[in-house]
Amino acid sequence: MEMREWHIVFSGFQQKSGTLNGTVQIWGDLMRIASRHQSARVELLRWDDNISNLAELISRLAPQDSMPIVNIYGYSWGGMTAANFARELRRRGMPVNHIVLSDAVYRHWYWLGQWRAFVSAWAIRIPDNVRKVTHFRQRQSMPMGHDVKADNPGKTLIGKPIWLKADHSWMDDASPFRSACRDAAEAV
């Protein structure tokens, strides 16, 4: 079985797939869009799921004649997971077409370092296998999304942040974010 198109959605800190929230709605939107292709798959994961296993699956199910198209979508801590997942794909020589983020929050690699989520000094680093990043941010409440920076600006196009007037808790429900996710999926 070969999969030519992947859409991976990462939820925020306290979100669960059994609860109706913005990331679940985005997953549903992407399921409808991707259903037009037999070789397309849409996954909804928590921010703390094992991303290495999924990266390996994508690598193993890649078509023999080309690379699959991979789009990644993330909210809050799921935004940091999106960047880490892109890094896992890079380790396997896999490109990422587009990452769409909403109020992506920096998450440190060890638990005692999580206070950094509330300090804007750290940026979310995007690896050079990513072609394009669209990201939304807010200044209404804590935590606030962090800066998003390319490891190699010559290879990764990161648009300016799109500022929304919404609390962090509602950024995954924001209509512009949902539209950007659908637009990225439809452009594949």
C-alpha atoms as a PDB file:
ATOM      1  CA  MET A   1       0.000   0.000   0.000  1.00  0.00           C
ATOM      2  CA  GLU A   2       1.391   3.416  -0.969  1.00  0.00           C
ATOM      3  CA  MET A   3       0.194   6.705   0.515  1.00  0.00           C
ATOM      4  CA  ARG A   4       0.800   9.789  -1.622  1.00  0.00           C
ATOM      5  CA  GLU A   5      -0.764  12.437   0.638  1.00  0.00           C
ATOM      6  CA  TRP A   6      -0.716  12.927   4.426  1.00  0.00           C
ATOM      7  CA  HIS A   7      -2.442  15.517   6.612  1.00  0.00           C
ATOM      8  CA  ILE A   8      -1.313  15.370  10.244  1.00  0.00           C
ATOM      9  CA  VAL A   9      -3.165  17.404  12.913  1.00  0.00           C
ATOM     10  CA  PHE A  10      -1.645  17.918  16.390  1.00  0.00           C
ATOM     11  CA  SER A  11      -3.932  19.074  19.199  1.00  0.00           C
ATOM     12  CA  GLY A  12      -3.154  21.365  22.116  1.00  0.00           C
ATOM     13  CA  PHE A  13      -2.182  20.630  25.718  1.00  0.00           C
ATOM     14  CA  GLN A  14      -5.507  19.609  27.289  1.00  0.00           C
ATOM     15  CA  GLN A  15      -7.387  18.604  24.160  1.00  0.00           C
ATOM     16  CA  LYS A  16      -8.674  15.099  23.625  1.00  0.00           C
ATOM     17  CA  SER A  17      -9.979  13.610  20.384  1.00  0.00           C
ATOM     18  CA  GLY A  18     -13.256  12.611  22.074  1.00  0.00           C
ATOM     19  CA  THR A  19     -14.123  16.249  22.801  1.00  0.00           C
ATOM     20  CA  LEU A  20     -15.413  18.566  20.107  1.00  0.00           C
ATOM     21  CA  ASN A  21     -12.828  21.331  19.764  1.00  0.00           C
ATOM     22  CA  GLY A  22     -11.190  23.281  16.964  1.00  0.00           C
ATOM     23  CA  THR A  23      -8.559  20.681  16.113  1.00  0.00           C
ATOM     24  CA  VAL A  24     -11.177  17.922  15.893  1.00  0.00           C
ATOM     25  CA  GLN A  25     -13.237  20.137  13.579  1.00  0.00           C
ATOM     26  CA  ILE A  26     -10.164  20.808  11.429  1.00  0.00           C
ATOM     27  CA  TRP A  27      -9.495  17.066  11.306  1.00  0.00           C
ATOM     28  CA  GLY A  28     -13.080  16.584  10.070  1.00  0.00           C
ATOM     29  CA  ASP A  29     -12.641  19.307   7.434  1.00  0.00           C
ATOM     30  CA  LEU A  30      -9.431  17.660   6.217  1.00  0.00           C
ATOM     31  CA  MET A  31     -11.071  14.214   6.156  1.00  0.00           C
ATOM     32  CA  ARG A  32     -13.728  15.559   3.776  1.00  0.00           C
ATOM     33  CA  ILE A  33     -11.111  17.198   1.549  1.00  0.00           C
ATOM     34  CA  ALA A  34      -8.738  14.220   1.500  1.00  0.00           C
ATOM     35  CA  SER A  35     -11.536  11.729   0.788  1.00  0.00           C
ATOM     36  CA  ARG A  36     -11.230  12.641  -2.899  1.00  0.00           C
ATOM     37  CA  HIS A  37      -7.994  10.611  -3.080  1.00  0.00           C
ATOM     38  CA  GLN A  38      -7.713   6.926  -2.259  1.00  0.00           C
ATOM     39  CA  SER A  39      -4.051   7.357  -1.369  1.00  0.00           C
ATOM     40  CA  ALA A  40      -4.607  10.209   1.131  1.00  0.00           C
ATOM     41  CA  ARG A  41      -4.617   9.813   4.889  1.00  0.00           C
ATOM     42  CA  VAL A  42      -5.560  12.213   7.694  1.00  0.00           C
ATOM     43  CA  GLU A  43      -4.360  11.675  11.272  1.00  0.00           C
ATOM     44  CA  LEU A  44      -5.374  13.434  14.500  1.00  0.00           C
ATOM     45  CA  LEU A  45      -2.789  13.146  17.264  1.00  0.00           C
ATOM     46  CA  ARG A  46      -2.252  14.578  20.716  1.00  0.00           C
ATOM     47  CA  TRP A  47       0.719  16.865  21.265  1.00  0.00           C
ATOM     48  CA  ASP A  48       2.434  14.115  23.285  1.00  0.00           C
ATOM     49  CA  ASP A  49       1.847  11.135  20.968  1.00  0.00           C
ATOM     50  CA  ASN A  50       4.803   9.155  19.620  1.00  0.00           C
ATOM     51  CA  ILE A  51       5.770  11.048  16.480  1.00  0.00           C
ATOM     52  CA  SER A  52       8.715   8.831  15.615  1.00  0.00           C
ATOM     53  CA  ASN A  53       6.412   5.885  14.873  1.00  0.00           C
ATOM     54  CA  LEU A  54       4.233   7.947  12.544  1.00  0.00           C
ATOM     55  CA  ALA A  55       7.262   9.378  10.726  1.00  0.00           C
ATOM     56  CA  GLU A  56       8.518   5.833  10.182  1.00  0.00           C
ATOM     57  CA  LEU A  57       5.102   4.736   8.882  1.00  0.00           C
ATOM     58  CA  ILE A  58       5.010   7.628   6.402  1.00  0.00           C
ATOM     59  CA  SER A  59       8.508   6.733   5.252  1.00  0.00           C
ATOM     60  CA  ARG A  60       7.627   3.070   4.776  1.00  0.00           C
ATOM     61  CA  LEU A  61       4.362   3.801   2.925  1.00  0.00           C
ATOM     62  CA  ALA A  62       5.971   6.359   0.573  1.00  0.00           C
ATOM     63  CA  PRO A  63       5.458   5.701  -3.134  1.00  0.00           C
ATOM     64  CA  GLN A  64       8.366   4.049  -4.932  1.00  0.00           C
ATOM     65  CA  ASP A  65       8.429   6.716  -7.664  1.00  0.00           C
ATOM     66  CA  SER A  66       8.054   9.937  -5.630  1.00  0.00           C
ATOM     67  CA  MET A  67       7.874  11.498  -2.192  1.00  0.00           C
ATOM     68  CA  PRO A  68       4.482  11.825  -0.497  1.00  0.00           C
ATOM     69  CA  ILE A  69       3.011  15.266   0.094  1.00  0.00           C
ATOM     70  CA  VAL A  70       2.893  15.941   3.837  1.00  0.00           C
ATOM     71  CA  ASN A  71       1.004  18.840   5.421  1.00  0.00           C
ATOM     72  CA  ILE A  72       1.124  19.356   9.192  1.00  0.00           C
ATOM     73  CA  TYR A  73      -1.301  21.388  11.310  1.00  0.00           C
ATOM     74  CA  GLY A  74      -0.763  22.282  14.963  1.00  0.00           C
ATOM     75  CA  TYR A  75      -2.272  24.277  17.809  1.00  0.00           C
ATOM     76  CA  SER A  76      -0.542  25.383  21.035  1.00  0.00           C
ATOM     77  CA  TRP A  77       1.874  22.649  22.202  1.00  0.00           C
ATOM     78  CA  GLY A  78       0.779  20.757  19.097  1.00  0.00           C
ATOM     79  CA  GLY A  79       2.555  23.505  17.142  1.00  0.00           C
ATOM     80  CA  MET A  80       5.854  22.583  18.768  1.00  0.00           C
ATOM     81  CA  THR A  81       5.075  18.925  18.078  1.00  0.00           C
ATOM     82  CA  ALA A  82       4.485  19.847  14.416  1.00  0.00           C
ATOM     83  CA  ALA A  83       8.029  21.264  14.216  1.00  0.00           C
ATOM     84  CA  ASN A  84       9.461  18.214  16.008  1.00  0.00           C
ATOM     85  CA  PHE A  85       7.529  15.914  13.668  1.00  0.00           C
ATOM     86  CA  ALA A  86       8.952  17.741  10.638  1.00  0.00           C
ATOM     87  CA  ARG A  87      12.391  17.098  12.153  1.00  0.00           C
ATOM     88  CA  GLU A  88      11.584  13.369  12.443  1.00  0.00           C
ATOM     89  CA  LEU A  89      10.597  13.334   8.770  1.00  0.00           C
ATOM     90  CA  ARG A  90      13.832  15.153   7.881  1.00  0.00           C
ATOM     91  CA  ARG A  91      15.829  12.375   9.564  1.00  0.00           C
ATOM     92  CA  ARG A  92      14.184   9.995   7.101  1.00  0.00           C
ATOM     93  CA  GLY A  93      14.838  12.234   4.071  1.00  0.00           C
ATOM     94  CA  MET A  94      11.168  13.229   3.762  1.00  0.00           C
ATOM     95  CA  PRO A  95      10.006  16.732   2.785  1.00  0.00           C
ATOM     96  CA  VAL A  96       7.099  18.656   4.332  1.00  0.00           C
ATOM     97  CA  ASN A  97       4.959  20.698   1.977  1.00  0.00           C
ATOM     98  CA  HIS A  98       3.193  23.072   4.389  1.00  0.00           C
ATOM     99  CA  ILE A  99       2.848  23.602   8.152  1.00  0.00           C
ATOM    100  CA  VAL A 100      -0.104  25.637   9.460  1.00  0.00           C
ATOM    101  CA  LEU A 101       0.128  26.702  13.124  1.00  0.00           C
ATOM    102  CA  SER A 102      -2.183  28.463  15.541  1.00  0.00           C
ATOM    103  CA  ASP A 103      -0.615  30.094  18.602  1.00  0.00           C
ATOM    104  CA  ALA A 104       2.202  27.535  18.664  1.00  0.00           C
ATOM    105  CA  VAL A 105       3.810  27.448  22.105  1.00  0.00           C
ATOM    106  CA  TYR A 106       7.423  26.487  22.776  1.00  0.00           C
ATOM    107  CA  ARG A 107       7.755  23.280  24.799  1.00  0.00           C
ATOM    108  CA  HIS A 108      11.073  22.335  26.339  1.00  0.00           C
ATOM    109  CA  TRP A 109      12.451  18.804  26.012  1.00  0.00           C
ATOM    110  CA  TYR A 110      12.328  18.126  29.758  1.00  0.00           C
ATOM    111  CA  TRP A 111       9.350  18.735  32.036  1.00  0.00           C
ATOM    112  CA  LEU A 112      11.053  21.105  34.510  1.00  0.00           C
ATOM    113  CA  GLY A 113      11.822  23.414  31.585  1.00  0.00           C
ATOM    114  CA  GLN A 114       8.139  23.992  30.770  1.00  0.00           C
ATOM    115  CA  TRP A 115       8.145  27.437  32.415  1.00  0.00           C
ATOM    116  CA  ARG A 116       9.572  28.571  29.052  1.00  0.00           C
ATOM    117  CA  ALA A 117       6.058  28.294  27.597  1.00  0.00           C
ATOM    118  CA  PHE A 118       5.296  31.578  29.366  1.00  0.00           C
ATOM    119  CA  VAL A 119       8.434  33.463  28.255  1.00  0.00           C
ATOM    120  CA  SER A 120       8.815  34.778  24.720  1.00  0.00           C
ATOM    121  CA  ALA A 121      12.629  34.403  24.598  1.00  0.00           C
ATOM    122  CA  TRP A 122      12.513  31.008  22.849  1.00  0.00           C
ATOM    123  CA  ALA A 123      11.471  30.405  19.267  1.00  0.00           C
ATOM    124  CA  ILE A 124      10.018  27.362  17.572  1.00  0.00           C
ATOM    125  CA  ARG A 125      12.630  26.240  15.031  1.00  0.00           C
ATOM    126  CA  ILE A 126      11.444  24.853  11.698  1.00  0.00           C
ATOM    127  CA  PRO A 127      13.816  22.405   9.945  1.00  0.00           C
ATOM    128  CA  ASP A 128      14.939  22.967   6.363  1.00  0.00           C
ATOM    129  CA  ASN A 129      12.857  20.116   4.883  1.00  0.00           C
ATOM    130  CA  VAL A 130       9.739  22.294   5.310  1.00  0.00           C
ATOM    131  CA  ARG A 131       8.759  24.315   2.253  1.00  0.00           C
ATOM    132  CA  LYS A 132       6.218  26.759   3.751  1.00  0.00           C
ATOM    133  CA  VAL A 133       4.808  27.823   7.145  1.00  0.00           C
ATOM    134  CA  THR A 134       1.649  29.826   7.869  1.00  0.00           C
ATOM    135  CA  HIS A 135       1.159  30.836  11.494  1.00  0.00           C
ATOM    136  CA  PHE A 136      -1.432  32.641  13.587  1.00  0.00           C
ATOM    137  CA  ARG A 137      -0.796  34.336  16.925  1.00  0.00           C
ATOM    138  CA  GLN A 138      -2.592  36.340  19.618  1.00  0.00           C
ATOM    139  CA  ARG A 139      -1.724  38.828  22.377  1.00  0.00           C
ATOM    140  CA  GLN A 140      -4.903  38.508  24.457  1.00  0.00           C
ATOM    141  CA  SER A 141      -3.956  35.847  27.023  1.00  0.00           C
ATOM    142  CA  MET A 142      -1.238  33.511  28.312  1.00  0.00           C
ATOM    143  CA  PRO A 143       0.276  31.426  27.052  1.00  0.00           C
ATOM    144  CA  MET A 144       0.986  33.339  23.859  1.00  0.00           C
ATOM    145  CA  GLY A 145       2.361  31.779  20.715  1.00  0.00           C
ATOM    146  CA  HIS A 146       6.117  32.006  20.232  1.00  0.00           C
ATOM    147  CA  ASP A 147       8.153  33.248  17.288  1.00  0.00           C
ATOM    148  CA  VAL A 148       8.548  30.751  14.462  1.00  0.00           C
ATOM    149  CA  LYS A 149      11.969  30.757  12.780  1.00  0.00           C
ATOM    150  CA  ALA A 150      13.465  28.792   9.915  1.00  0.00           C
ATOM    151  CA  ASP A 151      16.688  26.862  10.430  1.00  0.00           C
ATOM    152  CA  ASN A 152      17.440  27.758   6.807  1.00  0.00           C
ATOM    153  CA  PRO A 153      15.473  30.805   5.548  1.00  0.00           C
ATOM    154  CA  GLY A 154      16.675  30.046   2.013  1.00  0.00           C
ATOM    155  CA  LYS A 155      14.736  26.757   1.998  1.00  0.00           C
ATOM    156  CA  THR A 156      11.729  27.485   4.233  1.00  0.00           C
ATOM    157  CA  LEU A 157       9.278  30.309   3.582  1.00  0.00           C
ATOM    158  CA  ILE A 158       7.754  31.510   6.854  1.00  0.00           C
ATOM    159  CA  GLY A 159       5.105  34.153   6.391  1.00  0.00           C
ATOM    160  CA  LYS A 160       4.666  36.977   8.864  1.00  0.00           C
ATOM    161  CA  PRO A 161       2.458  36.039  11.802  1.00  0.00           C
ATOM    162  CA  ILE A 162      -1.240  36.613  11.286  1.00  0.00           C
ATOM    163  CA  TRP A 163      -2.489  38.297  14.465  1.00  0.00           C
ATOM    164  CA  LEU A 164      -5.960  37.420  15.721  1.00  0.00           C
ATOM    165  CA  LYS A 165      -8.043  38.905  18.515  1.00  0.00           C
ATOM    166  CA  ALA A 166      -8.840  35.742  20.455  1.00  0.00           C
ATOM    167  CA  ASP A 167      -7.755  34.170  23.724  1.00  0.00           C
ATOM    168  CA  HIS A 168      -5.247  31.331  23.448  1.00  0.00           C
ATOM    169  CA  SER A 169      -7.955  28.807  24.410  1.00  0.00           C
ATOM    170  CA  TRP A 170      -9.971  29.668  21.315  1.00  0.00           C
ATOM    171  CA  MET A 171      -7.224  30.002  18.712  1.00  0.00           C
ATOM    172  CA  ASP A 172      -7.905  26.528  17.283  1.00  0.00           C
ATOM    173  CA  ASP A 173     -11.538  27.581  16.723  1.00  0.00           C
ATOM    174  CA  ALA A 174     -10.560  30.751  14.860  1.00  0.00           C
ATOM    175  CA  SER A 175     -12.139  30.892  11.435  1.00  0.00           C
ATOM    176  CA  PRO A 176      -8.975  32.193   9.671  1.00  0.00           C
ATOM    177  CA  PHE A 177      -6.957  29.261  11.053  1.00  0.00           C
ATOM    178  CA  ARG A 178      -9.563  26.733   9.913  1.00  0.00           C
ATOM    179  CA  SER A 179      -9.676  28.372   6.483  1.00  0.00           C
ATOM    180  CA  ALA A 180      -5.878  28.284   6.169  1.00  0.00           C
ATOM    181  CA  CYS A 181      -5.884  24.571   7.041  1.00  0.00           C
ATOM    182  CA  ARG A 182      -8.541  23.830   4.425  1.00  0.00           C
ATOM    183  CA  ASP A 183      -6.727  25.968   1.837  1.00  0.00           C
ATOM    184  CA  ALA A 184      -3.444  24.115   2.470  1.00  0.00           C
ATOM    185  CA  ALA A 185      -5.183  20.754   2.063  1.00  0.00           C
ATOM    186  CA  GLU A 186      -7.035  21.797  -1.086  1.00  0.00           C
ATOM    187  CA  ALA A 187      -3.812  23.104  -2.660  1.00  0.00           C
ATOM    188  CA  VAL A 188      -2.288  19.585  -2.607  1.00  0.00           C
END
